Amino acid sequence: MKIVKYSLSCLALTVSLCSMFSNAVFASASGPDAYRTGAPEDSGTCNASDCHDTYTTDSGDAVFSISGPSEYIPGKTIKLKVAFSNSTGEKRGFEMTAVDANGNRVGKFKKIGNTTQVIPADDYRGLDKADKDKYIEHTYKGTKKKNWKVKWTAPDDATDPITFYAAGVDANGKGSETDDYVYTTTLEMSAK
């Protein structure tokens, strides 16, 4: 009986430690830290000293882009597409936000399907409560994609133009942060 209890305790401790280790290793695969879009007031991109820093930003051969309508209607929802073309990586990811002409993060993002997620406030990614629904990124499942579709609801009042900022990683899929390319892109639009 004592042997069984001891074995179960060891198994529970091993599972807990493995879970903690795997969460640390795959944190970027399931979504990078918040504020990595390259937008003003953000913390740069994923091409930082603690991340994918082998190559300079936008130095690879892939094309990273945001596409959507040319205008938005205040209070209405639009669809946007974030995409890689000419990608040679095995896995890819992104993070995006929207900023108005006064530097305010604006609107609300919503995911489409299970390949994107709105970054929740106050989790390991470090998003402030004031920025709830204002950042969207890939999910672990989304790393197998080359493009992602998201929804964005425009604010009723914002100072035009709105600029969408996104940073993306074209990763080699080897499980480390070396030899991956980081890209940035923007899309600007004004109210209809």
C-alpha atoms as a PDB file:
ATOM      1  CA  MET A   1       0.000   0.000   0.000  1.00  0.00           C
ATOM      2  CA  LYS A   2       2.840   2.410   0.889  1.00  0.00           C
ATOM      3  CA  ILE A   3       4.616   1.534  -2.373  1.00  0.00           C
ATOM      4  CA  VAL A   4       1.504   2.356  -4.403  1.00  0.00           C
ATOM      5  CA  LYS A   5       1.054   5.734  -2.635  1.00  0.00           C
ATOM      6  CA  TYR A   6       4.755   6.557  -3.136  1.00  0.00           C
ATOM      7  CA  SER A   7       4.586   5.576  -6.820  1.00  0.00           C
ATOM      8  CA  LEU A   8       1.471   7.688  -7.368  1.00  0.00           C
ATOM      9  CA  SER A   9       3.104  10.668  -5.640  1.00  0.00           C
ATOM     10  CA  CYS A  10       6.218  10.355  -7.828  1.00  0.00           C
ATOM     11  CA  LEU A  11       4.064  10.054 -10.946  1.00  0.00           C
ATOM     12  CA  ALA A  12       2.064  13.171 -10.020  1.00  0.00           C
ATOM     13  CA  LEU A  13       5.269  15.144  -9.376  1.00  0.00           C
ATOM     14  CA  THR A  14       6.782  13.996 -12.687  1.00  0.00           C
ATOM     15  CA  VAL A  15       3.644  14.959 -14.625  1.00  0.00           C
ATOM     16  CA  SER A  16       3.565  18.380 -12.939  1.00  0.00           C
ATOM     17  CA  LEU A  17       7.219  19.085 -13.734  1.00  0.00           C
ATOM     18  CA  CYS A  18       6.850  17.921 -17.336  1.00  0.00           C
ATOM     19  CA  SER A  19       3.772  20.090 -17.764  1.00  0.00           C
ATOM     20  CA  MET A  20       5.590  23.158 -16.436  1.00  0.00           C
ATOM     21  CA  PHE A  21       8.616  22.485 -18.681  1.00  0.00           C
ATOM     22  CA  SER A  22       6.525  21.917 -21.801  1.00  0.00           C
ATOM     23  CA  ASN A  23       4.553  25.133 -21.174  1.00  0.00           C
ATOM     24  CA  ALA A  24       7.819  27.095 -21.044  1.00  0.00           C
ATOM     25  CA  VAL A  25       9.237  25.453 -24.175  1.00  0.00           C
ATOM     26  CA  PHE A  26       6.102  25.826 -26.290  1.00  0.00           C
ATOM     27  CA  ALA A  27       4.959  29.244 -25.021  1.00  0.00           C
ATOM     28  CA  SER A  28       5.799  30.970 -28.309  1.00  0.00           C
ATOM     29  CA  ALA A  29       4.295  28.159 -30.367  1.00  0.00           C
ATOM     30  CA  SER A  30       0.997  28.713 -28.566  1.00  0.00           C
ATOM     31  CA  GLY A  31       1.331  32.496 -28.697  1.00  0.00           C
ATOM     32  CA  PRO A  32       4.102  35.042 -28.117  1.00  0.00           C
ATOM     33  CA  ASP A  33       4.285  37.587 -25.332  1.00  0.00           C
ATOM     34  CA  ALA A  34       1.914  40.510 -25.742  1.00  0.00           C
ATOM     35  CA  TYR A  35       3.056  43.792 -27.269  1.00  0.00           C
ATOM     36  CA  ARG A  36       5.241  42.218 -29.995  1.00  0.00           C
ATOM     37  CA  THR A  37       3.569  43.704 -33.101  1.00  0.00           C
ATOM     38  CA  GLY A  38       6.080  46.428 -33.937  1.00  0.00           C
ATOM     39  CA  ALA A  39       3.438  49.097 -33.224  1.00  0.00           C
ATOM     40  CA  PRO A  40       4.471  52.350 -31.524  1.00  0.00           C
ATOM     41  CA  GLU A  41       4.566  51.880 -27.741  1.00  0.00           C
ATOM     42  CA  ASP A  42       4.867  48.077 -28.147  1.00  0.00           C
ATOM     43  CA  SER A  43       7.908  46.078 -27.045  1.00  0.00           C
ATOM     44  CA  GLY A  44       9.232  45.664 -30.570  1.00  0.00           C
ATOM     45  CA  THR A  45       8.705  42.347 -32.341  1.00  0.00           C
ATOM     46  CA  CYS A  46       9.703  38.730 -31.828  1.00  0.00           C
ATOM     47  CA  ASN A  47      13.131  39.717 -33.158  1.00  0.00           C
ATOM     48  CA  ALA A  48      14.499  40.735 -29.768  1.00  0.00           C
ATOM     49  CA  SER A  49      17.503  39.665 -27.744  1.00  0.00           C
ATOM     50  CA  ASP A  50      15.408  37.057 -25.923  1.00  0.00           C
ATOM     51  CA  CYS A  51      13.629  35.658 -28.950  1.00  0.00           C
ATOM     52  CA  HIS A  52      14.060  34.969 -32.698  1.00  0.00           C
ATOM     53  CA  ASP A  53      17.202  37.065 -33.175  1.00  0.00           C
ATOM     54  CA  THR A  54      19.347  35.134 -35.672  1.00  0.00           C
ATOM     55  CA  TYR A  55      18.472  37.397 -38.603  1.00  0.00           C
ATOM     56  CA  THR A  56      17.501  41.058 -38.830  1.00  0.00           C
ATOM     57  CA  THR A  57      13.798  41.862 -39.196  1.00  0.00           C
ATOM     58  CA  ASP A  58      12.381  41.554 -42.731  1.00  0.00           C
ATOM     59  CA  SER A  59      15.591  39.998 -44.087  1.00  0.00           C
ATOM     60  CA  GLY A  60      14.155  36.708 -45.392  1.00  0.00           C
ATOM     61  CA  ASP A  61      12.552  35.930 -48.751  1.00  0.00           C
ATOM     62  CA  ALA A  62       8.974  35.478 -47.518  1.00  0.00           C
ATOM     63  CA  VAL A  63       6.290  38.129 -47.968  1.00  0.00           C
ATOM     64  CA  PHE A  64       4.205  38.939 -44.874  1.00  0.00           C
ATOM     65  CA  SER A  65       1.018  40.968 -45.271  1.00  0.00           C
ATOM     66  CA  ILE A  66      -2.318  42.120 -43.869  1.00  0.00           C
ATOM     67  CA  SER A  67      -5.235  42.452 -46.278  1.00  0.00           C
ATOM     68  CA  GLY A  68      -8.789  43.644 -45.856  1.00  0.00           C
ATOM     69  CA  PRO A  69     -11.235  46.290 -47.019  1.00  0.00           C
ATOM     70  CA  SER A  70      -9.974  49.742 -47.943  1.00  0.00           C
ATOM     71  CA  GLU A  71     -12.340  51.382 -45.436  1.00  0.00           C
ATOM     72  CA  TYR A  72     -14.198  50.515 -42.242  1.00  0.00           C
ATOM     73  CA  ILE A  73     -17.585  51.601 -40.891  1.00  0.00           C
ATOM     74  CA  PRO A  74     -17.511  52.790 -37.247  1.00  0.00           C
ATOM     75  CA  GLY A  75     -19.088  50.196 -34.950  1.00  0.00           C
ATOM     76  CA  LYS A  76     -19.123  47.481 -37.640  1.00  0.00           C
ATOM     77  CA  THR A  77     -17.065  44.306 -37.975  1.00  0.00           C
ATOM     78  CA  ILE A  78     -14.693  43.596 -40.848  1.00  0.00           C
ATOM     79  CA  LYS A  79     -12.604  40.567 -41.785  1.00  0.00           C
ATOM     80  CA  LEU A  80      -8.846  40.782 -42.158  1.00  0.00           C
ATOM     81  CA  LYS A  81      -6.325  38.268 -43.431  1.00  0.00           C
ATOM     82  CA  VAL A  82      -2.753  37.968 -42.162  1.00  0.00           C
ATOM     83  CA  ALA A  83      -0.627  35.886 -44.524  1.00  0.00           C
ATOM     84  CA  PHE A  84       2.770  34.600 -45.533  1.00  0.00           C
ATOM     85  CA  SER A  85       3.615  33.914 -49.152  1.00  0.00           C
ATOM     86  CA  ASN A  86       6.908  32.513 -50.427  1.00  0.00           C
ATOM     87  CA  SER A  87       7.397  30.996 -46.949  1.00  0.00           C
ATOM     88  CA  THR A  88      10.079  28.327 -46.568  1.00  0.00           C
ATOM     89  CA  GLY A  89       9.448  27.699 -42.872  1.00  0.00           C
ATOM     90  CA  GLU A  90       7.837  24.639 -41.352  1.00  0.00           C
ATOM     91  CA  LYS A  91       5.774  26.712 -38.904  1.00  0.00           C
ATOM     92  CA  ARG A  92       4.565  30.286 -38.764  1.00  0.00           C
ATOM     93  CA  GLY A  93       2.949  32.676 -36.301  1.00  0.00           C
ATOM     94  CA  PHE A  94       1.846  36.277 -35.893  1.00  0.00           C
ATOM     95  CA  GLU A  95       0.564  38.931 -33.519  1.00  0.00           C
ATOM     96  CA  MET A  96      -1.527  41.970 -34.546  1.00  0.00           C
ATOM     97  CA  THR A  97      -3.090  45.125 -33.081  1.00  0.00           C
ATOM     98  CA  ALA A  98      -4.825  48.282 -34.381  1.00  0.00           C
ATOM     99  CA  VAL A  99      -3.758  51.836 -33.490  1.00  0.00           C
ATOM    100  CA  ASP A 100      -5.465  55.144 -34.320  1.00  0.00           C
ATOM    101  CA  ALA A 101      -3.758  58.406 -35.337  1.00  0.00           C
ATOM    102  CA  ASN A 102      -3.532  59.477 -31.667  1.00  0.00           C
ATOM    103  CA  GLY A 103      -1.622  56.307 -30.734  1.00  0.00           C
ATOM    104  CA  ASN A 104      -4.567  54.593 -29.002  1.00  0.00           C
ATOM    105  CA  ARG A 105      -5.090  50.860 -29.412  1.00  0.00           C
ATOM    106  CA  VAL A 106      -8.602  50.639 -30.798  1.00  0.00           C
ATOM    107  CA  GLY A 107     -11.352  48.222 -31.767  1.00  0.00           C
ATOM    108  CA  LYS A 108     -11.891  44.632 -30.714  1.00  0.00           C
ATOM    109  CA  PHE A 109     -10.513  41.500 -32.335  1.00  0.00           C
ATOM    110  CA  LYS A 110     -12.389  38.204 -32.558  1.00  0.00           C
ATOM    111  CA  LYS A 111     -11.004  34.890 -33.653  1.00  0.00           C
ATOM    112  CA  ILE A 112     -12.269  32.863 -36.582  1.00  0.00           C
ATOM    113  CA  GLY A 113     -11.836  29.115 -36.038  1.00  0.00           C
ATOM    114  CA  ASN A 114      -9.183  27.501 -33.866  1.00  0.00           C
ATOM    115  CA  THR A 115      -6.027  28.844 -35.518  1.00  0.00           C
ATOM    116  CA  THR A 116      -6.187  32.292 -33.898  1.00  0.00           C
ATOM    117  CA  GLN A 117      -6.835  33.619 -30.410  1.00  0.00           C
ATOM    118  CA  VAL A 118      -7.431  36.962 -28.766  1.00  0.00           C
ATOM    119  CA  ILE A 119      -4.734  37.438 -26.142  1.00  0.00           C
ATOM    120  CA  PRO A 120      -6.350  37.279 -22.699  1.00  0.00           C
ATOM    121  CA  ALA A 121      -5.433  39.877 -20.094  1.00  0.00           C
ATOM    122  CA  ASP A 122      -3.233  38.913 -17.159  1.00  0.00           C
ATOM    123  CA  ASP A 123      -1.916  35.538 -18.329  1.00  0.00           C
ATOM    124  CA  TYR A 124       1.694  34.554 -19.025  1.00  0.00           C
ATOM    125  CA  ARG A 125       1.816  36.787 -22.122  1.00  0.00           C
ATOM    126  CA  GLY A 126       1.558  39.950 -19.996  1.00  0.00           C
ATOM    127  CA  LEU A 127      -1.348  41.803 -21.616  1.00  0.00           C
ATOM    128  CA  ASP A 128      -2.755  44.618 -19.454  1.00  0.00           C
ATOM    129  CA  LYS A 129      -6.484  44.596 -18.666  1.00  0.00           C
ATOM    130  CA  ALA A 130      -6.855  47.950 -20.459  1.00  0.00           C
ATOM    131  CA  ASP A 131      -5.834  46.216 -23.714  1.00  0.00           C
ATOM    132  CA  LYS A 132      -8.355  43.363 -23.492  1.00  0.00           C
ATOM    133  CA  ASP A 133      -9.516  42.270 -26.994  1.00  0.00           C
ATOM    134  CA  LYS A 134      -6.970  44.560 -28.674  1.00  0.00           C
ATOM    135  CA  TYR A 135      -4.358  41.925 -29.636  1.00  0.00           C
ATOM    136  CA  ILE A 136      -4.787  38.747 -31.646  1.00  0.00           C
ATOM    137  CA  GLU A 137      -2.295  36.007 -32.493  1.00  0.00           C
ATOM    138  CA  HIS A 138      -1.908  32.432 -33.720  1.00  0.00           C
ATOM    139  CA  THR A 139      -2.681  29.342 -31.665  1.00  0.00           C
ATOM    140  CA  TYR A 140      -0.501  26.232 -31.469  1.00  0.00           C
ATOM    141  CA  LYS A 141      -2.697  24.646 -34.142  1.00  0.00           C
ATOM    142  CA  GLY A 142      -2.339  27.830 -36.198  1.00  0.00           C
ATOM    143  CA  THR A 143       1.442  27.414 -36.538  1.00  0.00           C
ATOM    144  CA  LYS A 144       0.805  24.941 -39.352  1.00  0.00           C
ATOM    145  CA  LYS A 145      -0.951  27.615 -41.430  1.00  0.00           C
ATOM    146  CA  LYS A 146       0.412  30.227 -43.828  1.00  0.00           C
ATOM    147  CA  ASN A 147      -2.550  32.568 -43.363  1.00  0.00           C
ATOM    148  CA  TRP A 148      -5.114  33.432 -40.738  1.00  0.00           C
ATOM    149  CA  LYS A 149      -8.480  35.190 -40.905  1.00  0.00           C
ATOM    150  CA  VAL A 150      -9.681  37.364 -38.033  1.00  0.00           C
ATOM    151  CA  LYS A 151     -12.531  39.739 -37.267  1.00  0.00           C
ATOM    152  CA  TRP A 152     -12.098  43.277 -36.026  1.00  0.00           C
ATOM    153  CA  THR A 153     -14.899  45.499 -34.763  1.00  0.00           C
ATOM    154  CA  ALA A 154     -14.190  49.171 -35.361  1.00  0.00           C
ATOM    155  CA  PRO A 155     -14.711  51.664 -32.553  1.00  0.00           C
ATOM    156  CA  ASP A 156     -17.599  54.122 -32.794  1.00  0.00           C
ATOM    157  CA  ASP A 157     -15.127  56.964 -32.534  1.00  0.00           C
ATOM    158  CA  ALA A 158     -11.442  56.942 -33.385  1.00  0.00           C
ATOM    159  CA  THR A 159      -9.019  59.337 -34.970  1.00  0.00           C
ATOM    160  CA  ASP A 160      -8.300  58.298 -38.550  1.00  0.00           C
ATOM    161  CA  PRO A 161      -6.410  56.683 -39.985  1.00  0.00           C
ATOM    162  CA  ILE A 162      -6.373  53.314 -38.212  1.00  0.00           C
ATOM    163  CA  THR A 163      -3.150  51.370 -38.741  1.00  0.00           C
ATOM    164  CA  PHE A 164      -2.996  47.619 -38.227  1.00  0.00           C
ATOM    165  CA  TYR A 165       0.441  46.453 -37.112  1.00  0.00           C
ATOM    166  CA  ALA A 166       1.539  42.822 -37.286  1.00  0.00           C
ATOM    167  CA  ALA A 167       4.735  40.903 -36.689  1.00  0.00           C
ATOM    168  CA  GLY A 168       5.157  37.372 -37.980  1.00  0.00           C
ATOM    169  CA  VAL A 169       7.652  34.545 -37.604  1.00  0.00           C
ATOM    170  CA  ASP A 170       8.579  32.157 -40.409  1.00  0.00           C
ATOM    171  CA  ALA A 171      10.119  29.378 -38.305  1.00  0.00           C
ATOM    172  CA  ASN A 172      12.159  26.358 -39.300  1.00  0.00           C
ATOM    173  CA  GLY A 173      10.144  24.177 -36.894  1.00  0.00           C
ATOM    174  CA  LYS A 174      13.140  22.736 -35.032  1.00  0.00           C
ATOM    175  CA  GLY A 175      11.814  23.805 -31.620  1.00  0.00           C
ATOM    176  CA  SER A 176      14.353  26.544 -30.922  1.00  0.00           C
ATOM    177  CA  GLU A 177      14.339  30.273 -31.599  1.00  0.00           C
ATOM    178  CA  THR A 178      17.377  30.217 -33.895  1.00  0.00           C
ATOM    179  CA  ASP A 179      17.399  30.400 -37.683  1.00  0.00           C
ATOM    180  CA  ASP A 180      13.833  31.784 -37.831  1.00  0.00           C
ATOM    181  CA  TYR A 181      12.863  34.897 -39.784  1.00  0.00           C
ATOM    182  CA  VAL A 182      10.791  37.741 -38.328  1.00  0.00           C
ATOM    183  CA  TYR A 183       8.699  40.062 -40.505  1.00  0.00           C
ATOM    184  CA  THR A 184       6.575  43.158 -39.940  1.00  0.00           C
ATOM    185  CA  THR A 185       3.738  44.673 -41.932  1.00  0.00           C
ATOM    186  CA  THR A 186       1.044  47.339 -41.657  1.00  0.00           C
ATOM    187  CA  LEU A 187      -2.321  48.122 -43.211  1.00  0.00           C
ATOM    188  CA  GLU A 188      -3.881  51.574 -43.002  1.00  0.00           C
ATOM    189  CA  MET A 189      -7.561  52.411 -43.425  1.00  0.00           C
ATOM    190  CA  SER A 190      -9.987  55.216 -42.677  1.00  0.00           C
ATOM    191  CA  ALA A 191     -13.682  55.346 -41.879  1.00  0.00           C
ATOM    192  CA  LYS A 192     -16.180  55.238 -44.750  1.00  0.00           C
END
